[in-house]
C-alpha cells in the first residue's frame, strides 16, 4: 500500500513541479508519512528544490493524547500543530 502511494506521490510531484509550491501528504500512520516525506526529499534533491522546513507542519487527526513519533525532513524535526 505504501509503495502504491509513493508511486502516486512521485507522479503527482512530477505533474506539479512547475505549477505549485504547496503539497499535502495524507498517511494512515507516522511510519507511512515518514516514508512519503523521505520520497519527497529524494525528489527535491534530484531536481534541486529546497523545501522550507520552517513553513512545513504536521497535523495529526485522531484521539487526543495518542502517542506518536516525530516526523523529520532531512534530519530536521517538523513542527506539529
Protein backbone atom coordinates (compact mmCIF):
# COMPACT_ATOMS: atom_id res chain seq x y z
CA UNK A 1 0.00 0.00 0.00
CA UNK A 2 2.82 2.40 0.85
CA UNK A 3 4.56 1.63 -2.45
CA UNK A 4 1.39 2.44 -4.38
CA UNK A 5 1.12 5.75 -2.51
CA UNK A 6 4.77 6.53 -3.20
CA UNK A 7 4.26 5.92 -6.92
CA UNK A 8 1.20 8.20 -6.97
CA UNK A 9 3.15 10.79 -4.97
CA UNK A 10 6.06 10.71 -7.42
CA UNK A 11 3.69 11.07 -10.39
CA UNK A 12 1.92 13.94 -8.64
CA UNK A 13 5.21 15.68 -7.84
CA UNK A 14 6.24 15.42 -11.48
CA UNK A 15 2.94 16.96 -12.58
CA UNK A 16 3.02 19.91 -10.17
CA UNK A 17 6.77 20.53 -10.26
CA UNK A 18 6.47 23.76 -12.23
CA UNK A 19 2.97 24.81 -11.19
CA UNK A 20 2.74 24.80 -7.43
CA UNK A 21 4.61 25.40 -4.24
CA UNK A 22 2.15 23.66 -1.87
CA UNK A 23 1.83 19.95 -1.19
CA UNK A 24 -0.38 17.90 1.13
CA UNK A 25 0.54 14.36 2.18
CA UNK A 26 -2.03 12.09 3.84
CA UNK A 27 -0.99 8.90 5.61
CA UNK A 28 -2.58 6.29 7.87
CA UNK A 29 0.44 6.14 10.17
CA UNK A 30 3.54 8.07 11.18
CA UNK A 31 5.68 5.45 9.51
CA UNK A 32 3.85 5.85 6.18
CA UNK A 33 4.11 9.64 6.41
CA UNK A 34 7.84 9.43 7.11
CA UNK A 35 8.35 7.17 4.08
CA UNK A 36 6.39 9.59 1.90
CA UNK A 37 8.30 12.59 3.22
CA UNK A 38 11.59 10.81 2.56
CA UNK A 39 10.41 10.28 -1.03
CA UNK A 40 9.62 14.00 -1.31
CA UNK A 41 13.12 14.73 -0.05
CA UNK A 42 14.60 12.43 -2.70
CA UNK A 43 12.55 14.16 -5.40
CA UNK A 44 13.57 17.61 -4.17
CA UNK A 45 17.22 16.62 -4.03
CA UNK A 46 17.06 15.18 -7.56
CA UNK A 47 15.54 18.35 -9.03
CA UNK A 48 17.43 20.75 -6.73
CA UNK A 49 14.32 22.05 -4.99
CA UNK A 50 14.54 23.32 -1.41
CA UNK A 51 11.69 22.65 0.97
CA UNK A 52 11.32 25.29 3.67
CA UNK A 53 11.06 23.22 6.86
CA UNK A 54 10.15 26.36 8.84
CA UNK A 55 6.92 26.57 6.82
CA UNK A 56 6.21 22.83 6.99
CA UNK A 57 3.78 21.43 9.54
CA UNK A 58 2.28 18.11 10.53
CA UNK A 59 -1.36 17.81 11.58
CA UNK A 60 -2.42 14.64 13.39
CA UNK A 61 -6.05 13.58 13.30
CA UNK A 62 -7.30 11.10 15.87
CA UNK A 63 -7.77 10.63 19.57
CA UNK A 64 -6.15 13.33 21.68
CA UNK A 65 -3.25 12.11 23.75
CA UNK A 66 -2.40 9.26 21.38
CA UNK A 67 1.34 8.68 21.43
CA UNK A 68 3.10 9.01 18.07
CA UNK A 69 6.63 9.62 16.91
CA UNK A 70 8.00 12.84 15.50
CA UNK A 71 8.29 13.38 11.74
CA UNK A 72 11.55 14.55 10.18
CA UNK A 73 12.60 16.05 6.85
CA UNK A 74 16.27 15.60 6.03
CA UNK A 75 17.06 15.18 9.72
CA UNK A 76 15.10 18.24 10.86
CA UNK A 77 12.05 17.79 13.05
CA UNK A 78 8.81 19.10 11.56
CA UNK A 79 6.54 21.20 13.76
CA UNK A 80 3.29 19.54 14.83
CA UNK A 81 0.21 21.74 15.05
